[in-house]
Protein backbone atom coordinates (compact mmCIF):
# COMPACT_ATOMS: atom_id res chain seq x y z
CA UNK A 1 176.42 36.83 -11.62
CA UNK A 2 179.55 34.88 -10.87
CA UNK A 3 178.30 31.56 -8.96
CA UNK A 4 181.12 29.40 -7.49
CA UNK A 5 181.42 26.52 -5.35
CA UNK A 6 184.91 26.37 -3.63
CA UNK A 7 185.56 23.08 -1.55
CA UNK A 8 189.15 23.67 0.70
CA UNK A 9 191.31 21.19 2.17
CA UNK A 10 193.73 21.31 4.10
CA UNK A 11 196.58 18.59 5.27
CA UNK A 12 196.76 17.69 9.02
CA UNK A 13 198.30 18.37 10.94
CA UNK A 14 198.13 22.19 10.16
CA UNK A 15 200.87 23.63 9.00
CA UNK A 16 202.65 20.90 7.62
CA UNK A 17 201.58 21.92 3.85
CA UNK A 18 199.49 24.16 1.53
CA UNK A 19 195.76 24.20 1.15
CA UNK A 20 194.13 22.25 -1.99
CA UNK A 21 191.09 24.95 -3.15
CA UNK A 22 188.84 23.21 -5.84
CA UNK A 23 186.27 25.55 -7.32
CA UNK A 24 183.65 24.65 -8.90
CA UNK A 25 182.15 27.84 -11.54
CA UNK A 26 179.07 28.06 -12.78
CA UNK A 27 179.03 27.83 -16.80
CA UNK A 28 177.26 26.39 -19.38
CA UNK A 29 175.99 22.66 -18.90
CA UNK A 30 177.37 23.02 -15.42
CA UNK A 31 175.62 23.31 -11.99
CA UNK A 32 176.90 24.95 -8.76
CA UNK A 33 174.66 25.29 -5.27
CA UNK A 34 172.42 28.57 -5.81
CA UNK A 35 169.03 28.00 -5.23
CA UNK A 36 166.47 25.35 -6.09
CA UNK A 37 166.07 22.77 -7.37
CA UNK A 38 169.84 22.00 -6.18
CA UNK A 39 170.79 21.39 -2.84
CA UNK A 40 173.68 23.11 -0.51
CA UNK A 41 177.21 21.45 -1.61
CA UNK A 42 175.43 19.94 -4.97
CA UNK A 43 177.59 20.58 -7.95
CA UNK A 44 177.69 19.00 -11.76
CA UNK A 45 176.80 18.34 -15.51
CA UNK A 46 173.35 19.19 -16.35
CA UNK A 47 174.42 15.80 -18.60
CA UNK A 48 176.56 14.02 -16.56
CA UNK A 49 178.50 13.65 -13.60
CA UNK A 50 177.69 15.16 -10.03
CA UNK A 51 178.61 15.08 -6.36
CA UNK A 52 177.37 16.32 -3.40
CA UNK A 53 180.29 18.58 -1.74
CA UNK A 54 178.92 17.50 2.05
CA UNK A 55 179.68 14.04 1.75
CA UNK A 56 182.90 13.16 2.97
CA UNK A 57 182.97 10.15 0.47
CA UNK A 58 182.78 12.99 -2.41
CA UNK A 59 185.87 14.98 -0.67
CA UNK A 60 187.94 12.12 -0.27
CA UNK A 61 186.87 10.94 -4.08
CA UNK A 62 188.15 14.37 -5.26
CA UNK A 63 191.42 14.01 -2.97
CA UNK A 64 191.98 11.15 -4.16
CA UNK A 65 191.70 12.35 -8.02
CA UNK A 66 194.01 15.56 -7.27
CA UNK A 67 196.45 13.50 -5.55
CA UNK A 68 196.63 11.13 -8.54
CA UNK A 69 196.86 13.75 -11.07
CA UNK A 70 200.29 15.54 -9.41
CA UNK A 71 199.01 17.01 -5.86
CA UNK A 72 201.48 17.23 -3.33
CA UNK A 73 200.16 18.27 0.07
CA UNK A 74 203.67 18.72 1.46
CA UNK A 75 204.10 21.91 -0.43
CA UNK A 76 203.56 25.07 1.41
CA UNK A 77 202.02 27.16 -1.04
CA UNK A 78 198.28 27.03 -1.55
CA UNK A 79 197.00 25.31 -5.03
CA UNK A 80 193.72 26.48 -6.79
CA UNK A 81 192.58 23.60 -8.82
CA UNK A 82 189.29 23.58 -11.64
CA UNK A 83 187.30 21.08 -10.05
CA UNK A 84 185.16 20.19 -13.39
CA UNK A 85 188.80 18.77 -14.05
CA UNK A 86 188.35 16.25 -11.53
CA UNK A 87 184.59 15.82 -11.37
CA UNK A 88 183.82 12.92 -13.64
CA UNK A 89 187.06 10.27 -12.21
CA UNK A 90 185.90 11.46 -8.58
CA UNK A 91 182.35 10.35 -9.36
CA UNK A 92 182.87 7.08 -11.27
CA UNK A 93 185.07 6.65 -8.08
CA UNK A 94 182.25 7.57 -5.48
CA UNK A 95 180.06 5.16 -7.26
CA UNK A 96 182.23 2.33 -7.54
CA UNK A 97 183.24 2.81 -4.01
CA UNK A 98 179.29 2.50 -3.04
CA UNK A 99 179.09 -0.56 -4.78
CA UNK A 100 176.17 -2.41 -6.48
CA UNK A 101 173.68 -0.55 -4.55
CA UNK A 102 175.14 2.96 -5.47
CA UNK A 103 172.72 6.07 -4.61
CA UNK A 104 170.43 4.11 -2.85
CA UNK A 105 169.11 5.33 0.10
CA UNK A 106 172.19 8.30 -0.15
């Protein structure tokens, strides 16, 4: 079974650029939503970085990493990116943004 989680971001206002699709495909050492024990939106490495794609801060961190790595929202065509290539940097940025109380009460 090919399980995957796709986060699609659209530039605003509508029509000003192409969509960014960040795809997390299931594979060895990775997890995507698909039932217990993982929650809806959870993606991560079984021994490492993880994010919940329902959290605005996680989405922002992925967007920032995609921009830093060259995604240009003003381009008209849709772009698909392997989310696993962004995950560790986005998770690190998310943790740093949360400060010393990171993950407590999340």
